[in-house]
Full PDB file with SEQRES, HELIX, SHEET, SSBOND, CRYST1, ORIGX, SCALE, CONECT and MASTER records, all heavy atoms in Angstrom:
SEQRES   1 A   33  PRO LEU GLY GLU PRO VAL ALA ALA ARG VAL THR ARG TRP          
SEQRES   2 A   33  ASP ARG GLY LEU PRO GLN TYR GLU VAL GLY HIS HIS ASP          
SEQRES   3 A   33  ARG VAL ARG ARG ILE ARG GLU                                  
HELIX    1 AA1 HIS A   24  ARG A   32  1                                   9    
CRYST1    1.000    1.000    1.000  90.00  90.00  90.00 P 1           1          
ORIGX1      1.000000  0.000000  0.000000        0.00000                         
ORIGX2      0.000000  1.000000  0.000000        0.00000                         
ORIGX3      0.000000  0.000000  1.000000        0.00000                         
SCALE1      1.000000  0.000000  0.000000        0.00000                         
SCALE2      0.000000  1.000000  0.000000        0.00000                         
SCALE3      0.000000  0.000000  1.000000        0.00000                         
ATOM      1  N   PRO A   1      47.547  21.057  27.013  1.00  0.00           N  
ATOM      2  CA  PRO A   1      46.124  20.733  26.614  1.00  0.00           C  
ATOM      3  C   PRO A   1      45.394  22.089  26.263  1.00  0.00           C  
ATOM      4  O   PRO A   1      45.673  23.104  26.809  1.00  0.00           O  
ATOM      5  CB  PRO A   1      45.623  20.067  27.851  1.00  0.00           C  
ATOM      6  CG  PRO A   1      46.649  19.685  28.725  1.00  0.00           C  
ATOM      7  CD  PRO A   1      47.796  20.567  28.383  1.00  0.00           C  
ATOM      8  N   LEU A   2      44.526  22.023  25.346  1.00  0.00           N  
ATOM      9  CA  LEU A   2      43.794  23.100  24.794  1.00  0.00           C  
ATOM     10  C   LEU A   2      42.399  22.962  25.121  1.00  0.00           C  
ATOM     11  O   LEU A   2      41.610  23.783  24.709  1.00  0.00           O  
ATOM     12  CB  LEU A   2      43.988  23.228  23.347  1.00  0.00           C  
ATOM     13  CG  LEU A   2      45.388  23.521  22.827  1.00  0.00           C  
ATOM     14  CD1 LEU A   2      45.477  23.497  21.278  1.00  0.00           C  
ATOM     15  CD2 LEU A   2      45.961  24.741  23.472  1.00  0.00           C  
ATOM     16  N   GLY A   3      41.988  21.893  25.845  1.00  0.00           N  
ATOM     17  CA  GLY A   3      40.507  21.748  26.208  1.00  0.00           C  
ATOM     18  C   GLY A   3      39.845  20.716  25.317  1.00  0.00           C  
ATOM     19  O   GLY A   3      40.521  20.172  24.450  1.00  0.00           O  
ATOM     20  N   GLU A   4      38.571  20.456  25.559  1.00  0.00           N  
ATOM     21  CA  GLU A   4      37.775  19.433  24.869  1.00  0.00           C  
ATOM     22  C   GLU A   4      37.505  20.168  23.445  1.00  0.00           C  
ATOM     23  O   GLU A   4      37.214  21.301  23.319  1.00  0.00           O  
ATOM     24  CB  GLU A   4      36.644  19.010  25.563  1.00  0.00           C  
ATOM     25  CG  GLU A   4      36.908  18.375  26.929  1.00  0.00           C  
ATOM     26  CD  GLU A   4      37.598  17.022  26.572  1.00  0.00           C  
ATOM     27  OE1 GLU A   4      37.226  16.260  25.797  1.00  0.00           O  
ATOM     28  OE2 GLU A   4      38.510  16.749  27.275  1.00  0.00           O  
ATOM     29  N   PRO A   5      37.366  19.276  22.444  1.00  0.00           N  
ATOM     30  CA  PRO A   5      36.897  19.643  21.089  1.00  0.00           C  
ATOM     31  C   PRO A   5      35.469  20.282  21.286  1.00  0.00           C  
ATOM     32  O   PRO A   5      34.587  19.763  21.993  1.00  0.00           O  
ATOM     33  CB  PRO A   5      36.935  18.472  20.266  1.00  0.00           C  
ATOM     34  CG  PRO A   5      37.721  17.512  20.945  1.00  0.00           C  
ATOM     35  CD  PRO A   5      37.707  17.821  22.461  1.00  0.00           C  
ATOM     36  N   VAL A   6      35.218  21.308  20.477  1.00  0.00           N  
ATOM     37  CA  VAL A   6      33.913  21.925  20.437  1.00  0.00           C  
ATOM     38  C   VAL A   6      32.923  21.077  19.577  1.00  0.00           C  
ATOM     39  O   VAL A   6      31.776  20.898  19.905  1.00  0.00           O  
ATOM     40  CB  VAL A   6      33.914  23.357  19.942  1.00  0.00           C  
ATOM     41  CG1 VAL A   6      32.611  23.858  19.776  1.00  0.00           C  
ATOM     42  CG2 VAL A   6      34.744  24.232  20.870  1.00  0.00           C  
ATOM     43  N   ALA A   7      33.472  20.420  18.628  1.00  0.00           N  
ATOM     44  CA  ALA A   7      32.704  19.566  17.626  1.00  0.00           C  
ATOM     45  C   ALA A   7      33.583  18.625  17.020  1.00  0.00           C  
ATOM     46  O   ALA A   7      34.840  18.861  16.891  1.00  0.00           O  
ATOM     47  CB  ALA A   7      31.997  20.477  16.558  1.00  0.00           C  
ATOM     48  N   ALA A   8      33.017  17.421  16.539  1.00  0.00           N  
ATOM     49  CA  ALA A   8      33.792  16.404  15.793  1.00  0.00           C  
ATOM     50  C   ALA A   8      32.853  15.812  14.809  1.00  0.00           C  
ATOM     51  O   ALA A   8      31.628  15.785  14.986  1.00  0.00           O  
ATOM     52  CB  ALA A   8      34.363  15.449  16.823  1.00  0.00           C  
ATOM     53  N   ARG A   9      33.480  15.334  13.760  1.00  0.00           N  
ATOM     54  CA  ARG A   9      32.612  14.586  12.715  1.00  0.00           C  
ATOM     55  C   ARG A   9      33.447  13.399  12.176  1.00  0.00           C  
ATOM     56  O   ARG A   9      34.660  13.571  11.960  1.00  0.00           O  
ATOM     57  CB  ARG A   9      32.331  15.609  11.585  1.00  0.00           C  
ATOM     58  CG  ARG A   9      31.521  14.927  10.532  1.00  0.00           C  
ATOM     59  CD  ARG A   9      31.322  15.843   9.366  1.00  0.00           C  
ATOM     60  NE  ARG A   9      30.611  17.038   9.747  1.00  0.00           N  
ATOM     61  CZ  ARG A   9      30.229  18.054   8.937  1.00  0.00           C  
ATOM     62  NH1 ARG A   9      30.444  17.992   7.703  1.00  0.00           N  
ATOM     63  NH2 ARG A   9      29.580  19.081   9.463  1.00  0.00           N  
ATOM     64  N   VAL A  10      32.781  12.329  12.013  1.00  0.00           N  
ATOM     65  CA  VAL A  10      33.436  11.232  11.314  1.00  0.00           C  
ATOM     66  C   VAL A  10      32.615  11.062   9.972  1.00  0.00           C  
ATOM     67  O   VAL A  10      31.451  10.937   9.913  1.00  0.00           O  
ATOM     68  CB  VAL A  10      33.272   9.919  12.174  1.00  0.00           C  
ATOM     69  CG1 VAL A  10      33.750   8.716  11.447  1.00  0.00           C  
ATOM     70  CG2 VAL A  10      33.945   9.985  13.518  1.00  0.00           C  
ATOM     71  N   THR A  11      33.428  10.955   8.923  1.00  0.00           N  
ATOM     72  CA  THR A  11      32.858  10.811   7.633  1.00  0.00           C  
ATOM     73  C   THR A  11      33.239   9.495   7.069  1.00  0.00           C  
ATOM     74  O   THR A  11      34.441   9.236   7.001  1.00  0.00           O  
ATOM     75  CB  THR A  11      33.224  12.032   6.664  1.00  0.00           C  
ATOM     76  OG1 THR A  11      32.830  13.229   7.214  1.00  0.00           O  
ATOM     77  CG2 THR A  11      32.575  11.906   5.364  1.00  0.00           C  
ATOM     78  N   ARG A  12      32.409   8.653   6.621  1.00  0.00           N  
ATOM     79  CA  ARG A  12      32.673   7.475   5.876  1.00  0.00           C  
ATOM     80  C   ARG A  12      32.274   7.576   4.467  1.00  0.00           C  
ATOM     81  O   ARG A  12      31.186   7.877   4.146  1.00  0.00           O  
ATOM     82  CB  ARG A  12      31.979   6.344   6.586  1.00  0.00           C  
ATOM     83  CG  ARG A  12      32.273   6.139   8.047  1.00  0.00           C  
ATOM     84  CD  ARG A  12      32.715   4.803   8.380  1.00  0.00           C  
ATOM     85  NE  ARG A  12      32.935   4.716   9.744  1.00  0.00           N  
ATOM     86  CZ  ARG A  12      34.065   4.309  10.321  1.00  0.00           C  
ATOM     87  NH1 ARG A  12      35.029   4.104   9.632  1.00  0.00           N  
ATOM     88  NH2 ARG A  12      34.119   4.206  11.682  1.00  0.00           N  
ATOM     89  N   TRP A  13      33.175   7.332   3.509  1.00  0.00           N  
ATOM     90  CA  TRP A  13      32.894   7.388   2.121  1.00  0.00           C  
ATOM     91  C   TRP A  13      32.438   6.008   1.679  1.00  0.00           C  
ATOM     92  O   TRP A  13      33.209   5.047   1.811  1.00  0.00           O  
ATOM     93  CB  TRP A  13      34.310   7.864   1.426  1.00  0.00           C  
ATOM     94  CG  TRP A  13      34.593   9.221   1.886  1.00  0.00           C  
ATOM     95  CD1 TRP A  13      35.531   9.555   2.818  1.00  0.00           C  
ATOM     96  CD2 TRP A  13      34.079  10.496   1.408  1.00  0.00           C  
ATOM     97  NE1 TRP A  13      35.660  10.945   2.924  1.00  0.00           N  
ATOM     98  CE2 TRP A  13      34.651  11.445   2.108  1.00  0.00           C  
ATOM     99  CE3 TRP A  13      33.080  10.782   0.466  1.00  0.00           C  
ATOM    100  CZ2 TRP A  13      34.512  12.763   1.853  1.00  0.00           C  
ATOM    101  CZ3 TRP A  13      32.878  12.150   0.300  1.00  0.00           C  
ATOM    102  CH2 TRP A  13      33.506  13.177   0.877  1.00  0.00           C  
ATOM    103  N   ASP A  14      31.348   5.909   1.185  1.00  0.00           N  
ATOM    104  CA  ASP A  14      30.742   4.666   0.755  1.00  0.00           C  
ATOM    105  C   ASP A  14      31.596   3.900  -0.211  1.00  0.00           C  
ATOM    106  O   ASP A  14      31.676   2.670  -0.197  1.00  0.00           O  
ATOM    107  CB  ASP A  14      29.287   4.800   0.114  1.00  0.00           C  
ATOM    108  CG  ASP A  14      28.336   5.200   1.104  1.00  0.00           C  
ATOM    109  OD1 ASP A  14      28.495   4.997   2.287  1.00  0.00           O  
ATOM    110  OD2 ASP A  14      27.368   5.875   0.867  1.00  0.00           O  
ATOM    111  N   ARG A  15      32.232   4.640  -1.140  1.00  0.00           N  
ATOM    112  CA  ARG A  15      33.008   3.918  -2.113  1.00  0.00           C  
ATOM    113  C   ARG A  15      34.506   4.194  -1.921  1.00  0.00           C  
ATOM    114  O   ARG A  15      35.236   3.998  -2.811  1.00  0.00           O  
ATOM    115  CB  ARG A  15      32.597   4.407  -3.545  1.00  0.00           C  
ATOM    116  CG  ARG A  15      31.180   4.036  -3.784  1.00  0.00           C  
ATOM    117  CD  ARG A  15      30.847   4.299  -5.254  1.00  0.00           C  
ATOM    118  NE  ARG A  15      29.312   4.282  -5.408  1.00  0.00           N  
ATOM    119  CZ  ARG A  15      28.772   3.212  -5.843  1.00  0.00           C  
ATOM    120  NH1 ARG A  15      29.427   2.134  -6.041  1.00  0.00           N  
ATOM    121  NH2 ARG A  15      27.431   3.214  -6.008  1.00  0.00           N  
ATOM    122  N   GLY A  16      34.906   4.550  -0.680  1.00  0.00           N  
ATOM    123  CA  GLY A  16      36.282   4.800  -0.345  1.00  0.00           C  
ATOM    124  C   GLY A  16      36.809   3.544   0.087  1.00  0.00           C  
ATOM    125  O   GLY A  16      36.352   2.399  -0.124  1.00  0.00           O  
ATOM    126  N   LEU A  17      38.019   3.609   0.721  1.00  0.00           N  
ATOM    127  CA  LEU A  17      38.654   2.500   1.328  1.00  0.00           C  
ATOM    128  C   LEU A  17      37.883   1.853   2.382  1.00  0.00           C  
ATOM    129  O   LEU A  17      37.212   2.623   3.181  1.00  0.00           O  
ATOM    130  CB  LEU A  17      40.075   2.801   1.848  1.00  0.00           C  
ATOM    131  CG  LEU A  17      41.060   3.312   0.904  1.00  0.00           C  
ATOM    132  CD1 LEU A  17      42.389   3.804   1.633  1.00  0.00           C  
ATOM    133  CD2 LEU A  17      41.418   2.188  -0.080  1.00  0.00           C  
ATOM    134  N   PRO A  18      37.685   0.438   2.475  1.00  0.00           N  
ATOM    135  CA  PRO A  18      36.990  -0.144   3.581  1.00  0.00           C  
ATOM    136  C   PRO A  18      37.450   0.238   4.961  1.00  0.00           C  
ATOM    137  O   PRO A  18      38.665   0.570   5.098  1.00  0.00           O  
ATOM    138  CB  PRO A  18      37.331  -1.676   3.270  1.00  0.00           C  
ATOM    139  CG  PRO A  18      37.841  -1.750   1.979  1.00  0.00           C  
ATOM    140  CD  PRO A  18      38.549  -0.387   1.690  1.00  0.00           C  
ATOM    141  N   GLN A  19      36.616   0.181   5.857  1.00  0.00           N  
ATOM    142  CA  GLN A  19      36.894   0.562   7.208  1.00  0.00           C  
ATOM    143  C   GLN A  19      36.738  -0.800   8.035  1.00  0.00           C  
ATOM    144  O   GLN A  19      35.819  -1.479   7.927  1.00  0.00           O  
ATOM    145  CB  GLN A  19      35.865   1.545   7.819  1.00  0.00           C  
ATOM    146  CG  GLN A  19      35.780   2.831   7.021  1.00  0.00           C  
ATOM    147  CD  GLN A  19      37.121   3.660   7.195  1.00  0.00           C  
ATOM    148  OE1 GLN A  19      37.580   3.716   8.364  1.00  0.00           O  
ATOM    149  NE2 GLN A  19      37.652   4.209   6.212  1.00  0.00           N  
ATOM    150  N   TYR A  20      37.672  -1.062   8.907  1.00  0.00           N  
ATOM    151  CA  TYR A  20      37.707  -2.259   9.635  1.00  0.00           C  
ATOM    152  C   TYR A  20      36.629  -2.038  10.847  1.00  0.00           C  
ATOM    153  O   TYR A  20      36.449  -0.918  11.388  1.00  0.00           O  
ATOM    154  CB  TYR A  20      39.089  -2.537  10.296  1.00  0.00           C  
ATOM    155  CG  TYR A  20      40.065  -2.931   9.284  1.00  0.00           C  
ATOM    156  CD1 TYR A  20      41.377  -2.350   9.440  1.00  0.00           C  
ATOM    157  CD2 TYR A  20      39.847  -3.883   8.290  1.00  0.00           C  
ATOM    158  CE1 TYR A  20      42.293  -2.679   8.509  1.00  0.00           C  
ATOM    159  CE2 TYR A  20      40.790  -4.207   7.498  1.00  0.00           C  
ATOM    160  CZ  TYR A  20      42.077  -3.608   7.558  1.00  0.00           C  
ATOM    161  OH  TYR A  20      43.070  -3.961   6.624  1.00  0.00           O  
ATOM    162  N   GLU A  21      35.971  -3.058  11.214  1.00  0.00           N  
ATOM    163  CA  GLU A  21      34.929  -3.031  12.339  1.00  0.00           C  
ATOM    164  C   GLU A  21      35.746  -3.109  13.609  1.00  0.00           C  
ATOM    165  O   GLU A  21      36.907  -3.476  13.748  1.00  0.00           O  
ATOM    166  CB  GLU A  21      33.988  -4.234  12.283  1.00  0.00           C  
ATOM    167  CG  GLU A  21      33.196  -4.230  10.947  1.00  0.00           C  
ATOM    168  CD  GLU A  21      32.149  -5.284  10.955  1.00  0.00           C  
ATOM    169  OE1 GLU A  21      32.118  -6.054  11.879  1.00  0.00           O  
ATOM    170  OE2 GLU A  21      31.487  -5.424   9.909  1.00  0.00           O  
ATOM    171  N   VAL A  22      35.046  -2.628  14.716  1.00  0.00           N  
ATOM    172  CA  VAL A  22      35.538  -2.675  16.118  1.00  0.00           C  
ATOM    173  C   VAL A  22      35.791  -4.166  16.279  1.00  0.00           C  
ATOM    174  O   VAL A  22      35.083  -4.997  15.970  1.00  0.00           O  
ATOM    175  CB  VAL A  22      34.528  -2.129  17.040  1.00  0.00           C  
ATOM    176  CG1 VAL A  22      34.991  -2.301  18.407  1.00  0.00           C  
ATOM    177  CG2 VAL A  22      34.248  -0.720  16.774  1.00  0.00           C  
ATOM    178  N   GLY A  23      37.049  -4.411  16.831  1.00  0.00           N  
ATOM    179  CA  GLY A  23      37.455  -5.739  17.280  1.00  0.00           C  
ATOM    180  C   GLY A  23      38.248  -6.353  16.204  1.00  0.00           C  
ATOM    181  O   GLY A  23      38.760  -7.533  16.345  1.00  0.00           O  
ATOM    182  N   HIS A  24      38.491  -5.649  15.070  1.00  0.00           N  
ATOM    183  CA  HIS A  24      39.345  -6.291  13.999  1.00  0.00           C  
ATOM    184  C   HIS A  24      40.699  -6.757  14.392  1.00  0.00           C  
ATOM    185  O   HIS A  24      41.063  -7.873  14.126  1.00  0.00           O  
ATOM    186  CB  HIS A  24      39.352  -5.226  12.775  1.00  0.00           C  
ATOM    187  CG  HIS A  24      40.321  -5.681  11.695  1.00  0.00           C  
ATOM    188  ND1 HIS A  24      39.786  -6.619  10.762  1.00  0.00           N  
ATOM    189  CD2 HIS A  24      41.618  -5.348  11.384  1.00  0.00           C  
ATOM    190  CE1 HIS A  24      40.697  -6.854   9.907  1.00  0.00           C  
ATOM    191  NE2 HIS A  24      41.841  -6.056  10.211  1.00  0.00           N  
ATOM    192  N   HIS A  25      41.483  -5.924  15.110  1.00  0.00           N  
ATOM    193  CA  HIS A  25      42.742  -6.224  15.406  1.00  0.00           C  
ATOM    194  C   HIS A  25      42.834  -7.575  16.342  1.00  0.00           C  
ATOM    195  O   HIS A  25      43.704  -8.360  16.153  1.00  0.00           O  
ATOM    196  CB  HIS A  25      43.461  -5.094  16.142  1.00  0.00           C  
ATOM    197  CG  HIS A  25      43.712  -4.047  15.306  1.00  0.00           C  
ATOM    198  ND1 HIS A  25      44.618  -3.998  14.226  1.00  0.00           N  
ATOM    199  CD2 HIS A  25      43.095  -2.729  15.132  1.00  0.00           C  
ATOM    200  CE1 HIS A  25      44.580  -2.820  13.575  1.00  0.00           C  
ATOM    201  NE2 HIS A  25      43.627  -2.010  14.198  1.00  0.00           N  
ATOM    202  N   ASP A  26      41.889  -7.682  17.251  1.00  0.00           N  
ATOM    203  CA  ASP A  26      41.766  -8.953  18.096  1.00  0.00           C  
ATOM    204  C   ASP A  26      41.521 -10.135  17.195  1.00  0.00           C  
ATOM    205  O   ASP A  26      42.045 -11.211  17.322  1.00  0.00           O  
ATOM    206  CB  ASP A  26      40.719  -8.789  19.189  1.00  0.00           C  
ATOM    207  CG  ASP A  26      41.293  -7.887  20.317  1.00  0.00           C  
ATOM    208  OD1 ASP A  26      42.464  -7.673  20.402  1.00  0.00           O  
ATOM    209  OD2 ASP A  26      40.451  -7.302  20.923  1.00  0.00           O  
ATOM    210  N   ARG A  27      40.524  -9.986  16.282  1.00  0.00           N  
ATOM    211  CA  ARG A  27      40.133 -11.084  15.385  1.00  0.00           C  
ATOM    212  C   ARG A  27      41.411 -11.460  14.481  1.00  0.00           C  
ATOM    213  O   ARG A  27      41.732 -12.706  14.289  1.00  0.00           O  
ATOM    214  CB  ARG A  27      39.019 -10.553  14.323  1.00  0.00           C  
ATOM    215  CG  ARG A  27      38.328 -11.650  13.678  1.00  0.00           C  
ATOM    216  CD  ARG A  27      37.150 -11.092  12.939  1.00  0.00           C  
ATOM    217  NE  ARG A  27      36.340 -10.350  13.784  1.00  0.00           N  
ATOM    218  CZ  ARG A  27      36.058  -9.048  13.695  1.00  0.00           C  
ATOM    219  NH1 ARG A  27      36.650  -8.272  12.729  1.00  0.00           N  
ATOM    220  NH2 ARG A  27      35.251  -8.437  14.504  1.00  0.00           N  
ATOM    221  N   VAL A  28      42.212 -10.506  14.005  1.00  0.00           N  
ATOM    222  CA  VAL A  28      43.285 -10.739  13.175  1.00  0.00           C  
ATOM    223  C   VAL A  28      44.345 -11.539  13.965  1.00  0.00           C  
ATOM    224  O   VAL A  28      45.040 -12.421  13.523  1.00  0.00           O  
ATOM    225  CB  VAL A  28      43.920  -9.505  12.499  1.00  0.00           C  
ATOM    226  CG1 VAL A  28      45.258  -9.749  11.906  1.00  0.00           C  
ATOM    227  CG2 VAL A  28      42.896  -9.048  11.522  1.00  0.00           C  
ATOM    228  N   ARG A  29      44.532 -11.039  15.290  1.00  0.00           N  
ATOM    229  CA  ARG A  29      45.550 -11.724  16.108  1.00  0.00           C  
ATOM    230  C   ARG A  29      45.176 -13.189  16.302  1.00  0.00           C  
ATOM    231  O   ARG A  29      45.975 -14.113  16.281  1.00  0.00           O  
ATOM    232  CB  ARG A  29      45.526 -11.006  17.441  1.00  0.00           C  
ATOM    233  CG  ARG A  29      46.535 -11.646  18.521  1.00  0.00           C  
ATOM    234  CD  ARG A  29      46.477 -10.999  19.870  1.00  0.00           C  
ATOM    235  NE  ARG A  29      45.128 -10.855  20.381  1.00  0.00           N  
ATOM    236  CZ  ARG A  29      44.317 -11.837  20.817  1.00  0.00           C  
ATOM    237  NH1 ARG A  29      44.795 -13.059  20.942  1.00  0.00           N  
ATOM    238  NH2 ARG A  29      43.155 -11.578  21.372  1.00  0.00           N  
ATOM    239  N   ARG A  30      43.841 -13.518  16.462  1.00  0.00           N  
ATOM    240  CA  ARG A  30      43.389 -14.914  16.693  1.00  0.00           C  
ATOM    241  C   ARG A  30      43.674 -15.738  15.451  1.00  0.00           C  
ATOM    242  O   ARG A  30      44.020 -16.870  15.431  1.00  0.00           O  
ATOM    243  CB  ARG A  30      41.952 -14.951  17.138  1.00  0.00           C  
ATOM    244  CG  ARG A  30      41.755 -14.455  18.570  1.00  0.00           C  
ATOM    245  CD  ARG A  30      40.324 -14.678  19.144  1.00  0.00           C  
ATOM    246  NE  ARG A  30      39.405 -14.276  18.163  1.00  0.00           N  
ATOM    247  CZ  ARG A  30      38.742 -13.106  18.256  1.00  0.00           C  
ATOM    248  NH1 ARG A  30      39.151 -12.118  19.096  1.00  0.00           N  
ATOM    249  NH2 ARG A  30      37.754 -12.728  17.388  1.00  0.00           N  
ATOM    250  N   ILE A  31      43.398 -15.106  14.288  1.00  0.00           N  
ATOM    251  CA  ILE A  31      43.577 -15.736  13.059  1.00  0.00           C  
ATOM    252  C   ILE A  31      45.092 -16.087  12.738  1.00  0.00           C  
ATOM    253  O   ILE A  31      45.381 -17.166  12.405  1.00  0.00           O  
ATOM    254  CB  ILE A  31      43.021 -14.952  11.826  1.00  0.00           C  
ATOM    255  CG1 ILE A  31      41.461 -14.910  11.981  1.00  0.00           C  
ATOM    256  CG2 ILE A  31      43.463 -15.437  10.518  1.00  0.00           C  
ATOM    257  CD1 ILE A  31      40.869 -13.849  10.999  1.00  0.00           C  
ATOM    258  N   ARG A  32      45.782 -15.081  13.008  1.00  0.00           N  
ATOM    259  CA  ARG A  32      47.356 -15.324  12.948  1.00  0.00           C  
ATOM    260  C   ARG A  32      47.770 -16.447  13.879  1.00  0.00           C  
ATOM    261  O   ARG A  32      48.651 -17.200  13.502  1.00  0.00           O  
ATOM    262  CB  ARG A  32      48.030 -14.042  13.063  1.00  0.00           C  
ATOM    263  CG  ARG A  32      47.890 -13.089  11.846  1.00  0.00           C  
ATOM    264  CD  ARG A  32      48.979 -11.983  11.837  1.00  0.00           C  
ATOM    265  NE  ARG A  32      48.781 -11.032  10.705  1.00  0.00           N  
ATOM    266  CZ  ARG A  32      49.079 -11.410   9.448  1.00  0.00           C  
ATOM    267  NH1 ARG A  32      49.612 -12.481   9.153  1.00  0.00           N  
ATOM    268  NH2 ARG A  32      48.840 -10.465   8.482  1.00  0.00           N  
ATOM    269  N   GLU A  33      47.326 -16.398  15.042  1.00  0.00           N  
ATOM    270  CA  GLU A  33      47.789 -17.432  16.067  1.00  0.00           C  
ATOM    271  C   GLU A  33      47.407 -18.911  15.468  1.00  0.00           C  
ATOM    272  O   GLU A  33      48.225 -19.706  15.558  1.00  0.00           O  
ATOM    273  CB  GLU A  33      47.153 -17.269  17.395  1.00  0.00           C  
ATOM    274  CG  GLU A  33      47.780 -16.100  18.154  1.00  0.00           C  
ATOM    275  CD  GLU A  33      47.002 -15.784  19.527  1.00  0.00           C  
ATOM    276  OE1 GLU A  33      46.087 -16.454  19.761  1.00  0.00           O  
ATOM    277  OE2 GLU A  33      47.517 -14.848  20.155  1.00  0.00           O  
TER     278      GLU A  33                                                      
MASTER        0    0    0    1    0    0    0    6  277    1    0    3          
END                                                                             
C-alpha cells in the first residue's frame, strides 16, 4: 500500500459513451431472469 490518494476526479463527457447508473447490474440481472 502507498497510502490514501491525495486527490481524485471523475470526469463525465456529455457526448461520450453512456454511463450506467448505480444499480444497473442488479437491474440487468432481474431483466435477464
